[in-house]
Protein backbone atom coordinates (compact mmCIF):
# COMPACT_ATOMS: atom_id res chain seq x y z
CA MET A 1 130.69 107.02 103.14
CA GLU A 2 128.82 107.03 99.87
CA ILE A 3 127.17 110.30 98.92
CA ALA A 4 124.20 108.29 97.49
CA ILE A 5 123.20 107.55 101.09
CA PHE A 6 122.45 111.25 101.56
CA LYS A 7 120.23 111.95 98.53
CA TYR A 8 117.46 113.24 100.77
CA TYR A 9 119.82 115.88 102.06
CA TRP A 10 119.18 117.79 98.85
CA LEU A 11 115.33 117.81 99.30
CA ASP A 12 113.86 121.14 100.12
CA THR A 13 111.25 119.31 102.22
CA TRP A 14 113.96 117.69 104.38
CA VAL A 15 115.82 120.97 104.83
CA LEU A 16 112.69 122.83 105.89
CA ALA A 17 111.72 119.97 108.15
CA ASN A 18 114.97 120.32 109.98
CA VAL A 19 114.49 124.11 110.26
CA ILE A 20 111.06 123.42 111.87
CA GLN A 21 112.44 120.85 114.22
CA LEU A 22 115.27 123.11 115.45
CA ALA A 23 112.82 126.06 115.78
CA THR A 24 110.36 123.92 117.68
CA GLN A 25 112.98 122.75 120.13
CA ASP A 26 113.92 126.43 120.68
CA PHE A 27 110.21 127.38 121.07
CA CYS A 28 109.50 124.70 123.70
CA ILE A 29 112.67 125.46 125.67
CA ARG A 30 111.90 129.22 125.75
CA HIS A 31 108.13 129.22 126.23
CA LEU A 32 107.03 126.04 127.98
CA ASN A 33 107.35 125.91 131.77
CA HIS A 34 105.97 124.24 134.86
CA THR A 35 103.02 126.63 134.81
CA ASN A 36 101.65 126.11 131.28
CA ASP A 37 103.09 122.58 130.85
CA PRO A 38 103.37 121.16 134.43
CA CYS A 39 103.93 117.56 133.39
CA GLY A 40 106.06 118.23 130.32
CA ARG A 41 103.65 116.42 127.99
CA LEU A 42 103.30 119.32 125.51
CA PHE A 43 107.08 119.67 125.33
CA ASP A 44 107.39 115.90 124.56
CA GLN A 45 104.62 115.88 122.07
CA MET A 46 105.73 118.96 120.12
CA THR A 47 109.39 117.97 119.99
CA MET A 48 108.64 114.40 118.99
CA ALA A 49 106.18 115.46 116.23
CA ALA A 50 108.76 117.85 114.94
CA ARG A 51 111.39 115.07 115.03
CA SER A 52 109.14 112.76 113.20
CA VAL A 53 108.96 114.94 110.09
CA PRO A 54 112.63 114.85 108.91
CA ALA A 55 113.07 111.32 110.26
CA ASN A 56 110.27 109.92 108.13
CA ILE A 57 111.33 111.93 105.03
CA ALA A 58 114.77 110.57 105.42
CA GLU A 59 113.64 106.94 105.98
CA GLY A 60 111.10 107.16 103.16
CA SER A 61 113.59 108.60 100.69
CA SER A 62 116.13 105.88 101.57
CA ARG A 63 113.53 103.30 100.52
CA HIS A 64 113.14 104.90 97.12
CA SER A 65 114.96 102.23 95.18
CA THR A 66 113.35 99.34 96.89
CA SER A 67 109.76 100.30 97.72
CA ARG A 68 108.02 103.29 96.26
CA GLU A 69 104.93 102.35 98.22
CA THR A 70 106.83 102.42 101.53
CA GLU A 71 108.45 105.75 100.50
CA MET A 72 104.99 107.34 99.90
CA LYS A 73 103.60 105.93 103.18
CA LEU A 74 106.50 107.29 105.29
CA ILE A 75 106.36 110.76 103.67
CA ASP A 76 102.65 110.73 104.42
CA VAL A 77 103.46 109.85 108.12
CA ALA A 78 105.79 113.00 108.03
CA ARG A 79 102.91 115.03 106.76
CA ALA A 80 100.56 113.73 109.39
CA SER A 81 103.08 114.58 112.16
CA LEU A 82 103.43 118.05 110.72
CA SER A 83 99.74 118.53 110.81
CA GLU A 84 99.72 117.57 114.51
CA LEU A 85 102.48 120.06 115.21
CA SER A 86 100.72 122.87 113.28
CA ASN A 87 97.60 122.27 115.41
CA ASP A 88 99.71 122.66 118.47
CA TYR A 89 100.83 126.07 117.37
CA LEU A 90 97.32 127.03 116.35
CA ASN A 91 96.07 126.01 119.79
CA TRP A 92 98.92 127.97 121.49
CA ILE A 93 97.84 131.12 119.61
CA MET A 94 94.19 130.69 120.44
CA HIS A 95 94.82 129.74 124.03
CA ASN A 96 96.56 133.06 124.47
CA GLU A 97 93.36 134.84 123.19
CA SER A 98 94.80 135.61 119.83
CA THR A 99 94.28 134.56 116.24
CA PRO A 100 96.70 133.47 113.45
CA TRP A 101 98.04 136.27 111.28
CA SER A 102 95.82 137.14 108.38
CA ILE A 103 97.31 136.40 104.93
CA ASN A 104 96.98 140.17 104.32
CA THR A 105 99.26 141.16 107.18
CA SER A 106 102.87 142.28 106.44
CA ASP A 107 104.28 139.72 108.89
CA TYR A 108 102.48 136.84 107.18
CA GLN A 109 103.60 137.97 103.74
CA ASN A 110 107.19 138.70 104.82
CA VAL A 111 107.54 135.15 106.28
CA ASN A 112 105.74 133.44 103.45
CA ASN A 113 107.81 135.17 100.87
CA ILE A 114 111.15 134.03 102.19
CA GLN A 115 112.50 131.26 99.96
CA LEU A 116 114.99 128.61 100.71
CA ASP A 117 118.39 128.61 99.04
CA ARG A 118 119.19 125.56 96.88
CA PRO A 119 121.83 123.26 98.38
CA THR A 120 125.28 123.55 96.74
CA TYR A 121 127.21 120.96 98.63
CA LYS A 122 128.95 118.27 96.58
CA ASP A 123 131.05 116.52 99.24
CA ASP A 124 131.49 116.59 103.03
CA VAL A 125 127.71 116.40 103.08
CA LEU A 126 127.13 116.21 106.87
CA HIS A 127 129.24 119.32 107.53
CA LEU A 128 127.96 121.44 104.58
CA SER A 129 124.32 120.39 104.93
CA SER A 130 124.30 121.42 108.61
CA ILE A 131 125.67 124.87 107.61
CA HIS A 132 122.96 125.14 104.95
CA ILE A 133 120.13 124.23 107.28
CA LEU A 134 121.23 126.75 109.93
CA ALA A 135 121.55 129.37 107.34
CA GLN A 136 117.97 128.79 106.19
CA LYS A 137 116.86 128.87 109.84
CA HIS A 138 118.50 132.25 110.46
CA LYS A 139 116.41 133.74 107.64
CA PHE A 140 113.47 133.62 110.12
CA ASP A 141 115.40 134.79 113.27
CA SER A 142 113.59 138.08 113.56
CA TRP A 143 110.31 136.15 114.25
CA LEU A 144 111.60 132.91 115.82
CA ASN A 145 113.91 134.67 118.34
CA ASN A 146 111.34 137.34 119.24
CA GLY A 147 110.54 137.20 122.93
CA ASP A 148 106.80 137.14 122.15
CA SER A 149 105.69 133.52 121.85
CA LEU A 150 102.78 134.52 119.63
CA ILE A 151 105.12 135.88 116.96
CA ALA A 152 107.25 132.72 116.99
CA ALA A 153 104.18 130.45 116.97
CA ASN A 154 102.68 132.38 113.96
CA CYS A 155 105.91 132.05 112.10
CA LEU A 156 106.17 128.32 112.77
CA LEU A 157 102.51 127.86 111.84
CA ILE A 158 103.23 129.37 108.46
CA LEU A 159 106.29 127.16 107.93
CA CYS A 160 104.33 124.08 108.95
CA ASN A 161 101.62 124.83 106.44
CA ARG A 162 104.09 125.49 103.74
CA LEU A 163 105.83 122.18 104.32
CA ILE A 164 102.54 120.28 104.43
CA MET A 165 101.80 121.63 100.88
CA MET A 166 105.29 120.73 99.66
CA LEU A 167 104.94 117.19 101.09
CA ARG A 168 101.59 116.87 99.41
CA ARG A 169 103.16 117.71 96.02
CA GLN A 170 106.05 115.35 96.67
CA ILE A 171 103.63 112.49 97.29
CA GLU A 172 101.58 113.35 94.20
CA HIS A 173 104.81 113.30 92.11
CA LEU A 174 105.83 109.94 93.61
CA LEU A 175 102.44 108.60 92.86
CA GLU A 176 102.51 109.66 89.21
CA THR A 177 106.01 108.10 88.88
CA PHE A 178 104.77 104.94 90.43
CA LYS A 179 101.87 104.80 88.00
CA ALA A 180 104.21 105.16 85.04
CA GLU A 181 107.14 103.04 86.11
CA GLY A 182 105.85 100.78 88.91
CA GLY A 183 108.05 100.01 91.86
CA PHE A 184 110.69 97.52 92.96
CA THR A 185 108.26 94.64 93.33
CA GLU A 186 106.81 95.25 89.92
CA GLY A 187 110.27 95.41 88.45
CA LEU A 188 111.26 92.08 90.08
CA THR A 189 108.06 90.40 88.77
CA ALA A 190 108.75 91.65 85.23
CA GLU A 191 112.33 90.40 85.39
CA ARG A 192 111.31 87.11 86.72
CA LEU A 193 108.67 86.53 84.05
CA SER A 194 111.11 87.62 81.37
CA TYR A 195 113.66 85.09 82.59
CA ARG A 196 111.09 82.32 82.86
CA GLN A 197 109.89 83.07 79.37
CA GLU A 198 113.34 82.86 78.02
CA GLN A 199 113.86 79.57 79.85
CA SER A 200 110.68 78.21 78.36
CA ILE A 201 111.85 79.14 74.83
CA GLN A 202 115.18 77.40 75.42
CA SER A 203 113.55 74.24 76.81
CA ASN A 204 111.15 73.95 73.90
CA ALA A 205 108.07 74.59 75.98
CA PRO A 206 104.69 74.38 74.22
CA LYS A 207 103.11 77.36 72.63
CA CYS A 208 99.92 78.87 74.15
CA PRO A 209 96.91 77.33 72.31
CA ILE A 210 95.22 80.77 72.45
CA CYS A 211 97.80 83.39 71.58
CA GLY A 212 100.79 81.31 70.56
CA LYS A 213 103.28 82.73 73.00
CA PRO A 214 105.72 80.45 74.93
CA MET A 215 104.24 78.78 78.02
CA ILE A 216 105.88 78.50 81.41
CA LYS A 217 105.45 76.07 84.25
CA ARG A 218 103.45 77.18 87.20
CA MET A 219 102.07 75.41 90.31
CA ALA A 220 98.43 75.52 91.29
CA LYS A 221 98.04 77.15 94.71
CA LYS A 222 94.44 76.13 95.45
CA GLY A 223 91.55 73.93 94.35
CA ILE A 224 91.66 70.25 93.55
CA ASN A 225 94.95 70.58 91.65
CA SER A 226 96.76 72.43 94.43
CA GLY A 227 100.43 71.58 94.38
CA LYS A 228 100.43 70.26 90.84
CA GLU A 229 102.30 71.83 87.98
CA PHE A 230 100.69 73.06 84.73
CA TRP A 231 101.59 74.96 81.61
CA SER A 232 100.48 78.66 81.74
CA CYS A 233 100.77 81.27 79.09
CA SER A 234 103.72 83.64 79.66
CA ASN A 235 101.43 86.48 78.74
CA TYR A 236 99.19 85.92 81.75
CA PRO A 237 97.08 87.79 82.95
CA SER A 238 96.42 89.19 79.49
CA CYS A 239 95.98 85.63 78.23
CA ASN A 240 94.59 82.80 80.32
CA GLY A 241 95.75 79.88 78.13
CA THR A 242 96.70 76.70 80.05
CA LEU A 243 97.73 73.06 79.24
CA LYS A 244 98.17 70.05 81.44
CA ILE A 245 101.65 68.64 81.92
């Protein structure tokens, strides 16, 4: 199996998303029951929201080479799912007549200051990435494995908000790259126009009466000439020169 398939395994966002998913599953198993979640809906909603985050990061990153737009949309879906999950933890805290940790408390600062290690795996990615994710999760064990659900919920709320910010920066970076380089569709259009321009030169196509560049055959898609071919400047849309065939 090609390592290229697993490029998203090296993303800090994907690693932290998996930590949050595993921790959310543990939280729901430990603290949700027939009394506070009689129909099991909260269990399903929280675990599915947590699953959606790494799933959409993985799918979006896998579309990087073919559709930057789709990649950004899927990562934004991951961010939206994470916002939903963070609201569930916030609600849990307030429903238990408590408030989230202040940023000035030692617990908040201790959790917030823990940094993820950089992945070092080069091969055997599935095995080594799983070891890496579990090692990152264990960094937060003293809060996540605490018997007090409020401590675990506060820790997960901090991790959710951290990942939301990381995903926001990832989307901004993708957007800037897209502005500078375009995407797969734009690349195909440029390649097609370049090929058609070269074909026009080789077939002695007429020169544009406006800018002098080679013209290429196009077909009118609407109007009274719909379906008819005409000569169009290869520099369109910068130049609108046309000639009848």
